[in-house]
Amino acid sequence: MVIDEQLWDKTMDQVYQEFSYILDLPITDEQKQELMVDIADFKVGGQPGFHWDDETILYFRSKNKPGCEGDYIRAIKDFVKSDCTLEDGETYQELIEDLISKTRR
């Protein structure tokens, strides 16, 4: 998950409220724990890889459900190939792998 630096100055309750708003659902305790880990990783040095907006991450996390692995992977591949633009030496496979690594449960 890509964490915006503006989150540094917010309380965890404010962060949960923002993500709950994006999801249009109440945020679960498990999701709160994931956010805490992601924010801690970001503060230590940021996550390597590509930048994905929060809505993209949350959308594909919601698509990743038990028994739906094939649909989830196909949706990511389709999204990357149709909606992403490659830059200096990047490959679609790198973007696909990065997005999968950031949206796996």
N, C-alpha and C. Protein backbone atom coordinates (compact mmCIF):
# COMPACT_ATOMS: atom_id res chain seq x y z
N MET A 1 0.85 -1.17 0.00
CA MET A 1 0.00 0.00 0.00
C MET A 1 0.89 1.23 0.00
N VAL A 2 0.56 2.16 -0.81
CA VAL A 2 1.30 3.40 -0.84
C VAL A 2 0.69 4.33 0.20
N ILE A 3 1.52 4.82 1.10
CA ILE A 3 1.05 5.68 2.17
C ILE A 3 1.49 7.11 1.89
N ASP A 4 0.56 8.01 1.91
CA ASP A 4 0.83 9.43 1.68
C ASP A 4 1.54 10.01 2.90
N GLU A 5 2.54 10.85 2.68
CA GLU A 5 3.28 11.44 3.79
C GLU A 5 2.39 12.28 4.69
N GLN A 6 1.27 12.77 4.21
CA GLN A 6 0.37 13.56 5.04
C GLN A 6 -0.19 12.75 6.20
N LEU A 7 -0.18 11.42 6.08
CA LEU A 7 -0.70 10.58 7.15
C LEU A 7 0.17 10.64 8.40
N TRP A 8 1.39 11.07 8.28
CA TRP A 8 2.30 11.14 9.43
C TRP A 8 1.73 11.99 10.54
N ASP A 9 1.02 13.05 10.19
CA ASP A 9 0.53 14.00 11.18
C ASP A 9 -0.89 13.69 11.65
N LYS A 10 -1.43 12.57 11.26
CA LYS A 10 -2.80 12.24 11.63
C LYS A 10 -2.81 11.14 12.70
N THR A 11 -3.88 11.13 13.48
CA THR A 11 -4.05 10.05 14.45
C THR A 11 -4.49 8.81 13.69
N MET A 12 -4.33 7.65 14.31
CA MET A 12 -4.74 6.42 13.65
C MET A 12 -6.24 6.42 13.38
N ASP A 13 -7.05 6.99 14.28
CA ASP A 13 -8.50 7.05 14.04
C ASP A 13 -8.82 7.86 12.79
N GLN A 14 -8.09 8.95 12.55
CA GLN A 14 -8.31 9.74 11.33
C GLN A 14 -7.94 8.92 10.09
N VAL A 15 -6.86 8.18 10.18
CA VAL A 15 -6.43 7.33 9.05
C VAL A 15 -7.49 6.27 8.78
N TYR A 16 -7.99 5.61 9.82
CA TYR A 16 -9.03 4.59 9.64
C TYR A 16 -10.28 5.18 9.00
N GLN A 17 -10.66 6.38 9.43
CA GLN A 17 -11.85 7.02 8.87
C GLN A 17 -11.67 7.29 7.38
N GLU A 18 -10.48 7.74 6.98
CA GLU A 18 -10.24 8.03 5.57
C GLU A 18 -10.30 6.75 4.72
N PHE A 19 -9.69 5.67 5.21
CA PHE A 19 -9.72 4.43 4.45
C PHE A 19 -11.12 3.83 4.44
N SER A 20 -11.85 3.97 5.53
CA SER A 20 -13.23 3.51 5.59
C SER A 20 -14.08 4.26 4.57
N TYR A 21 -13.83 5.56 4.42
CA TYR A 21 -14.55 6.37 3.44
C TYR A 21 -14.25 5.88 2.02
N ILE A 22 -12.98 5.59 1.72
CA ILE A 22 -12.61 5.12 0.38
C ILE A 22 -13.29 3.79 0.10
N LEU A 23 -13.29 2.88 1.08
CA LEU A 23 -13.91 1.57 0.90
C LEU A 23 -15.43 1.63 0.91
N ASP A 24 -15.99 2.69 1.49
CA ASP A 24 -17.42 2.83 1.70
C ASP A 24 -17.95 1.71 2.58
N LEU A 25 -17.10 1.23 3.48
CA LEU A 25 -17.44 0.18 4.44
C LEU A 25 -16.74 0.48 5.75
N PRO A 26 -17.28 -0.04 6.84
CA PRO A 26 -16.51 0.10 8.09
C PRO A 26 -15.20 -0.67 7.96
N ILE A 27 -14.17 -0.19 8.59
CA ILE A 27 -12.87 -0.84 8.50
C ILE A 27 -12.76 -1.87 9.63
N THR A 28 -12.28 -3.06 9.30
CA THR A 28 -12.19 -4.15 10.28
C THR A 28 -10.92 -4.03 11.10
N ASP A 29 -10.86 -4.76 12.20
CA ASP A 29 -9.66 -4.77 13.03
C ASP A 29 -8.47 -5.30 12.25
N GLU A 30 -8.70 -6.30 11.39
CA GLU A 30 -7.62 -6.86 10.56
C GLU A 30 -7.07 -5.78 9.62
N GLN A 31 -7.95 -5.00 9.00
CA GLN A 31 -7.51 -3.94 8.11
C GLN A 31 -6.77 -2.86 8.89
N LYS A 32 -7.22 -2.56 10.11
CA LYS A 32 -6.51 -1.59 10.95
C LYS A 32 -5.08 -2.06 11.20
N GLN A 33 -4.93 -3.35 11.49
CA GLN A 33 -3.59 -3.90 11.74
C GLN A 33 -2.72 -3.78 10.49
N GLU A 34 -3.28 -4.09 9.32
CA GLU A 34 -2.52 -3.96 8.06
C GLU A 34 -2.07 -2.51 7.85
N LEU A 35 -2.95 -1.57 8.12
CA LEU A 35 -2.60 -0.16 7.95
C LEU A 35 -1.47 0.24 8.90
N MET A 36 -1.52 -0.23 10.13
CA MET A 36 -0.46 0.09 11.09
C MET A 36 0.88 -0.43 10.61
N VAL A 37 0.89 -1.66 10.07
CA VAL A 37 2.13 -2.25 9.54
C VAL A 37 2.61 -1.46 8.34
N ASP A 38 1.70 -1.11 7.43
CA ASP A 38 2.08 -0.36 6.23
C ASP A 38 2.64 1.01 6.59
N ILE A 39 2.02 1.68 7.54
CA ILE A 39 2.51 2.99 7.95
C ILE A 39 3.87 2.87 8.62
N ALA A 40 4.05 1.84 9.44
CA ALA A 40 5.35 1.62 10.08
C ALA A 40 6.42 1.35 9.03
N ASP A 41 6.11 0.54 8.01
CA ASP A 41 7.07 0.28 6.92
C ASP A 41 7.43 1.57 6.22
N PHE A 42 6.43 2.41 5.97
CA PHE A 42 6.67 3.66 5.26
C PHE A 42 7.60 4.57 6.07
N LYS A 43 7.36 4.67 7.36
CA LYS A 43 8.17 5.55 8.20
C LYS A 43 9.61 5.06 8.29
N VAL A 44 9.81 3.75 8.17
CA VAL A 44 11.16 3.21 8.24
C VAL A 44 11.94 3.50 6.97
N GLY A 45 11.28 3.65 5.86
CA GLY A 45 12.03 3.92 4.64
C GLY A 45 11.19 3.84 3.40
N GLY A 46 9.93 3.68 3.56
CA GLY A 46 9.06 3.63 2.40
C GLY A 46 9.08 2.26 1.76
N GLN A 47 8.08 2.00 0.97
CA GLN A 47 8.01 0.73 0.29
C GLN A 47 8.67 0.85 -1.08
N PRO A 48 9.47 -0.13 -1.42
CA PRO A 48 10.06 -0.10 -2.76
C PRO A 48 9.00 -0.41 -3.81
N GLY A 49 9.29 -0.08 -5.02
CA GLY A 49 8.39 -0.43 -6.10
C GLY A 49 7.72 0.78 -6.71
N PHE A 50 6.58 0.54 -7.26
CA PHE A 50 5.85 1.54 -8.01
C PHE A 50 4.81 2.22 -7.12
N HIS A 51 4.38 3.40 -7.53
CA HIS A 51 3.34 4.11 -6.78
C HIS A 51 1.97 3.73 -7.33
N TRP A 52 1.10 3.28 -6.45
CA TRP A 52 -0.28 2.97 -6.80
C TRP A 52 -1.16 3.84 -5.92
N ASP A 53 -2.23 4.40 -6.49
CA ASP A 53 -3.10 5.20 -5.63
C ASP A 53 -3.89 4.29 -4.70
N ASP A 54 -4.34 4.87 -3.61
CA ASP A 54 -5.01 4.10 -2.55
C ASP A 54 -6.25 3.38 -3.07
N GLU A 55 -7.00 4.00 -3.94
CA GLU A 55 -8.21 3.37 -4.46
C GLU A 55 -7.89 2.11 -5.25
N THR A 56 -6.79 2.13 -6.02
CA THR A 56 -6.38 0.95 -6.78
C THR A 56 -6.01 -0.18 -5.83
N ILE A 57 -5.22 0.13 -4.81
CA ILE A 57 -4.81 -0.88 -3.84
C ILE A 57 -6.04 -1.48 -3.15
N LEU A 58 -6.91 -0.63 -2.67
CA LEU A 58 -8.09 -1.11 -1.95
C LEU A 58 -9.01 -1.91 -2.86
N TYR A 59 -9.15 -1.50 -4.10
CA TYR A 59 -9.99 -2.23 -5.05
C TYR A 59 -9.46 -3.65 -5.25
N PHE A 60 -8.16 -3.76 -5.53
CA PHE A 60 -7.62 -5.09 -5.80
C PHE A 60 -7.52 -5.94 -4.53
N ARG A 61 -7.34 -5.33 -3.38
CA ARG A 61 -7.40 -6.10 -2.13
C ARG A 61 -8.79 -6.69 -1.95
N SER A 62 -9.82 -5.94 -2.32
CA SER A 62 -11.19 -6.45 -2.19
C SER A 62 -11.48 -7.56 -3.19
N LYS A 63 -10.79 -7.56 -4.34
CA LYS A 63 -10.97 -8.61 -5.36
C LYS A 63 -10.28 -9.91 -4.97
N ASN A 64 -9.30 -9.83 -4.08
CA ASN A 64 -8.50 -10.99 -3.69
C ASN A 64 -9.22 -11.75 -2.58
N LYS A 65 -10.06 -12.71 -2.99
CA LYS A 65 -10.85 -13.50 -2.05
C LYS A 65 -10.51 -14.97 -2.21
N PRO A 66 -10.67 -15.75 -1.15
CA PRO A 66 -10.41 -17.19 -1.26
C PRO A 66 -11.22 -17.81 -2.39
N GLY A 67 -10.56 -18.63 -3.19
CA GLY A 67 -11.22 -19.29 -4.30
C GLY A 67 -11.33 -18.46 -5.57
N CYS A 68 -10.87 -17.22 -5.53
CA CYS A 68 -11.00 -16.32 -6.69
C CYS A 68 -9.62 -15.87 -7.19
N GLU A 69 -8.59 -16.62 -6.91
CA GLU A 69 -7.22 -16.23 -7.25
C GLU A 69 -7.06 -15.95 -8.75
N GLY A 70 -7.62 -16.81 -9.58
CA GLY A 70 -7.49 -16.63 -11.03
C GLY A 70 -8.13 -15.34 -11.52
N ASP A 71 -9.33 -15.05 -11.03
CA ASP A 71 -10.02 -13.81 -11.41
C ASP A 71 -9.24 -12.59 -10.94
N TYR A 72 -8.72 -12.68 -9.72
CA TYR A 72 -7.92 -11.58 -9.13
C TYR A 72 -6.68 -11.29 -9.98
N ILE A 73 -5.94 -12.33 -10.34
CA ILE A 73 -4.72 -12.16 -11.15
C ILE A 73 -5.07 -11.62 -12.53
N ARG A 74 -6.11 -12.18 -13.16
CA ARG A 74 -6.53 -11.70 -14.49
C ARG A 74 -6.94 -10.23 -14.44
N ALA A 75 -7.65 -9.84 -13.39
CA ALA A 75 -8.09 -8.45 -13.27
C ALA A 75 -6.90 -7.51 -13.15
N ILE A 76 -5.87 -7.93 -12.41
CA ILE A 76 -4.66 -7.10 -12.30
C ILE A 76 -3.95 -7.01 -13.63
N LYS A 77 -3.79 -8.13 -14.30
CA LYS A 77 -3.12 -8.13 -15.62
C LYS A 77 -3.86 -7.23 -16.60
N ASP A 78 -5.18 -7.37 -16.64
CA ASP A 78 -5.98 -6.54 -17.56
C ASP A 78 -5.84 -5.06 -17.22
N PHE A 79 -5.90 -4.74 -15.94
CA PHE A 79 -5.77 -3.35 -15.50
C PHE A 79 -4.42 -2.77 -15.90
N VAL A 80 -3.36 -3.49 -15.60
CA VAL A 80 -2.00 -2.99 -15.88
C VAL A 80 -1.82 -2.78 -17.39
N LYS A 81 -2.23 -3.75 -18.18
CA LYS A 81 -2.01 -3.65 -19.62
C LYS A 81 -2.90 -2.59 -20.29
N SER A 82 -4.07 -2.31 -19.71
CA SER A 82 -4.95 -1.34 -20.37
C SER A 82 -4.88 0.06 -19.76
N ASP A 83 -4.50 0.17 -18.49
CA ASP A 83 -4.57 1.47 -17.82
C ASP A 83 -3.23 2.04 -17.36
N CYS A 84 -2.16 1.30 -17.51
CA CYS A 84 -0.86 1.77 -17.03
C CYS A 84 0.05 2.11 -18.20
N THR A 85 0.89 3.09 -18.00
CA THR A 85 1.85 3.50 -19.01
C THR A 85 3.25 3.17 -18.51
N LEU A 86 4.00 2.45 -19.33
CA LEU A 86 5.36 2.08 -18.95
C LEU A 86 6.29 3.28 -19.08
N GLU A 87 7.25 3.35 -18.17
CA GLU A 87 8.28 4.38 -18.21
C GLU A 87 9.63 3.71 -18.28
N ASP A 88 10.65 4.45 -18.59
CA ASP A 88 12.05 4.04 -18.70
C ASP A 88 12.39 2.62 -18.25
N GLY A 89 12.32 1.67 -19.16
CA GLY A 89 12.78 0.32 -18.89
C GLY A 89 11.84 -0.55 -18.07
N GLU A 90 10.68 -0.05 -17.70
CA GLU A 90 9.73 -0.85 -16.95
C GLU A 90 9.08 -1.88 -17.87
N THR A 91 8.61 -2.96 -17.27
CA THR A 91 7.86 -3.96 -18.02
C THR A 91 6.49 -4.14 -17.37
N TYR A 92 5.54 -4.61 -18.16
CA TYR A 92 4.22 -4.89 -17.60
C TYR A 92 4.33 -5.93 -16.49
N GLN A 93 5.20 -6.91 -16.68
CA GLN A 93 5.35 -7.96 -15.67
C GLN A 93 5.81 -7.39 -14.33
N GLU A 94 6.71 -6.41 -14.34
CA GLU A 94 7.16 -5.77 -13.10
C GLU A 94 5.99 -5.07 -12.40
N LEU A 95 5.18 -4.36 -13.17
CA LEU A 95 4.03 -3.68 -12.58
C LEU A 95 3.02 -4.68 -12.02
N ILE A 96 2.77 -5.75 -12.76
CA ILE A 96 1.83 -6.78 -12.31
C ILE A 96 2.30 -7.40 -11.00
N GLU A 97 3.58 -7.78 -10.95
CA GLU A 97 4.13 -8.41 -9.75
C GLU A 97 4.09 -7.45 -8.56
N ASP A 98 4.38 -6.17 -8.80
CA ASP A 98 4.37 -5.19 -7.73
C ASP A 98 2.95 -4.99 -7.19
N LEU A 99 1.99 -4.87 -8.08
CA LEU A 99 0.61 -4.66 -7.64
C LEU A 99 0.09 -5.90 -6.90
N ILE A 100 0.44 -7.08 -7.37
CA ILE A 100 0.04 -8.30 -6.66
C ILE A 100 0.66 -8.32 -5.27
N SER A 101 1.95 -7.99 -5.17
CA SER A 101 2.61 -8.03 -3.86
C SER A 101 2.01 -7.03 -2.87
N LYS A 102 1.44 -5.95 -3.38
CA LYS A 102 0.87 -4.93 -2.50
C LYS A 102 -0.61 -5.14 -2.21
N THR A 103 -1.22 -6.12 -2.87
CA THR A 103 -2.65 -6.34 -2.64
C THR A 103 -2.96 -7.75 -2.16
N ARG A 104 -1.97 -8.59 -1.98
CA ARG A 104 -2.22 -9.94 -1.44
C ARG A 104 -2.63 -9.85 0.01
N ARG A 105 -3.48 -10.76 0.40
CA ARG A 105 -3.94 -10.81 1.80
C ARG A 105 -3.08 -11.78 2.57
